[in-house]
C-alpha cells in the first residue's frame, strides 16, 4: 500500500478561507482520479465544478452535491491512495 503526503500540495495549509486553494485541491483530485480510478472522474468533476461555480458566482458551493460526490469517491478508491488523501483533505477543509 502506498501513501501520499499532500500536506503541502498548495503551499501553506488553507483553513477553508481561500476558495481558490480548495479549487486547486479539487483539480488535483480530478487529475489523480484519471490515473487511479478513471470511472470516478465524473464525481471529481462534480466537486471541481461546484467549487468553480461558487467562486465564479460568488455564492456558497452546493455542499450536498460535494458531500455525495466525495463519499462516492471515498468508497471507490483504494486505501492509501492519493485520491483518498485529497478527498479527506477537501472534506476537512470544507467541513462537509
Protein backbone atom coordinates (compact mmCIF):
# COMPACT_ATOMS: atom_id res chain seq x y z
CA UNK A 1 0.00 0.00 0.00
CA UNK A 2 1.30 3.43 -0.89
CA UNK A 3 0.57 6.62 0.94
CA UNK A 4 0.96 10.14 -0.31
CA UNK A 5 1.82 13.19 1.74
CA UNK A 6 -0.21 16.01 0.26
CA UNK A 7 0.22 18.36 3.18
CA UNK A 8 1.97 20.93 1.02
CA UNK A 9 0.22 20.39 -2.31
CA UNK A 10 -0.91 24.02 -2.44
CA UNK A 11 1.79 25.68 -0.43
CA UNK A 12 0.72 26.78 3.03
CA UNK A 13 -2.17 24.93 4.58
CA UNK A 14 -5.55 26.54 4.00
CA UNK A 15 -8.38 26.73 6.50
CA UNK A 16 -11.23 26.91 4.02
CA UNK A 17 -11.00 30.68 3.73
CA UNK A 18 -9.30 30.52 0.33
CA UNK A 19 -11.74 29.08 -2.21
CA UNK A 20 -9.06 29.10 -4.91
CA UNK A 21 -6.88 26.78 -2.82
CA UNK A 22 -9.77 24.34 -2.36
CA UNK A 23 -10.46 24.51 -6.09
CA UNK A 24 -6.82 23.58 -6.74
CA UNK A 25 -7.27 20.55 -4.48
CA UNK A 26 -10.34 19.54 -6.48
CA UNK A 27 -8.48 19.99 -9.77
CA UNK A 28 -5.69 17.78 -8.48
CA UNK A 29 -8.30 15.24 -7.36
CA UNK A 30 -9.67 15.03 -10.92
CA UNK A 31 -6.13 14.50 -12.25
CA UNK A 32 -5.36 11.73 -9.76
CA UNK A 33 -8.69 10.02 -10.34
CA UNK A 34 -7.80 9.90 -14.04
CA UNK A 35 -4.79 7.80 -13.07
CA UNK A 36 -6.06 5.83 -10.07
CA UNK A 37 -9.79 5.39 -10.72
CA UNK A 38 -10.92 6.66 -14.13
CA UNK A 39 -14.53 5.58 -13.56
CA UNK A 40 -14.74 8.09 -10.70
CA UNK A 41 -13.54 11.09 -12.70
CA UNK A 42 -17.14 12.33 -13.18
CA UNK A 43 -17.56 12.50 -9.39
CA UNK A 44 -14.36 14.51 -9.12
CA UNK A 45 -15.63 16.81 -11.85
CA UNK A 46 -18.78 17.42 -9.79
CA UNK A 47 -16.65 18.59 -6.85
CA UNK A 48 -14.43 20.75 -9.05
CA UNK A 49 -17.32 22.29 -10.95
CA UNK A 50 -19.32 23.07 -7.81
CA UNK A 51 -16.33 24.87 -6.34
CA UNK A 52 -15.62 26.66 -9.61
CA UNK A 53 -19.22 27.87 -9.95
CA UNK A 54 -19.25 29.02 -6.34
CA UNK A 55 -16.16 31.13 -6.90
CA UNK A 56 -17.43 32.48 -10.23
CA UNK A 57 -20.93 33.26 -8.94
CA UNK A 58 -19.83 34.45 -5.51
CA UNK A 59 -22.28 32.05 -3.87
CA UNK A 60 -21.71 29.14 -1.48
CA UNK A 61 -20.97 25.78 -3.08
CA UNK A 62 -23.66 23.12 -3.01
CA UNK A 63 -22.38 21.15 -0.03
CA UNK A 64 -24.85 18.33 -0.60
CA UNK A 65 -23.59 17.63 -4.13
CA UNK A 66 -19.98 17.88 -2.96
CA UNK A 67 -20.60 15.58 0.01
CA UNK A 68 -22.33 13.00 -2.20
CA UNK A 69 -19.52 13.05 -4.78
CA UNK A 70 -16.78 12.85 -2.14
CA UNK A 71 -18.49 9.90 -0.48
CA UNK A 72 -18.74 8.05 -3.81
CA UNK A 73 -15.04 8.66 -4.42
CA UNK A 74 -14.13 7.64 -0.87
CA UNK A 75 -15.91 4.32 -1.34
CA UNK A 76 -14.42 3.66 -4.77
CA UNK A 77 -10.72 4.45 -4.32
CA UNK A 78 -8.06 2.33 -2.69
CA UNK A 79 -6.94 2.92 0.87
CA UNK A 80 -3.73 4.89 0.97
CA UNK A 81 -4.23 6.38 -2.49
CA UNK A 82 -3.54 9.99 -3.33
CA UNK A 83 -7.16 10.38 -4.36
CA UNK A 84 -8.37 9.30 -0.94
CA UNK A 85 -5.95 11.68 0.76
CA UNK A 86 -7.29 14.55 -1.34
CA UNK A 87 -10.90 13.57 -0.61
CA UNK A 88 -10.12 13.62 3.10
CA UNK A 89 -8.39 16.99 2.81
CA UNK A 90 -11.24 18.57 0.84
CA UNK A 91 -13.74 17.12 3.29
CA UNK A 92 -11.79 18.54 6.23
CA UNK A 93 -11.36 21.98 4.67
CA UNK A 94 -15.00 22.32 3.60
CA UNK A 95 -16.43 20.56 6.62
CA UNK A 96 -18.92 18.59 4.51
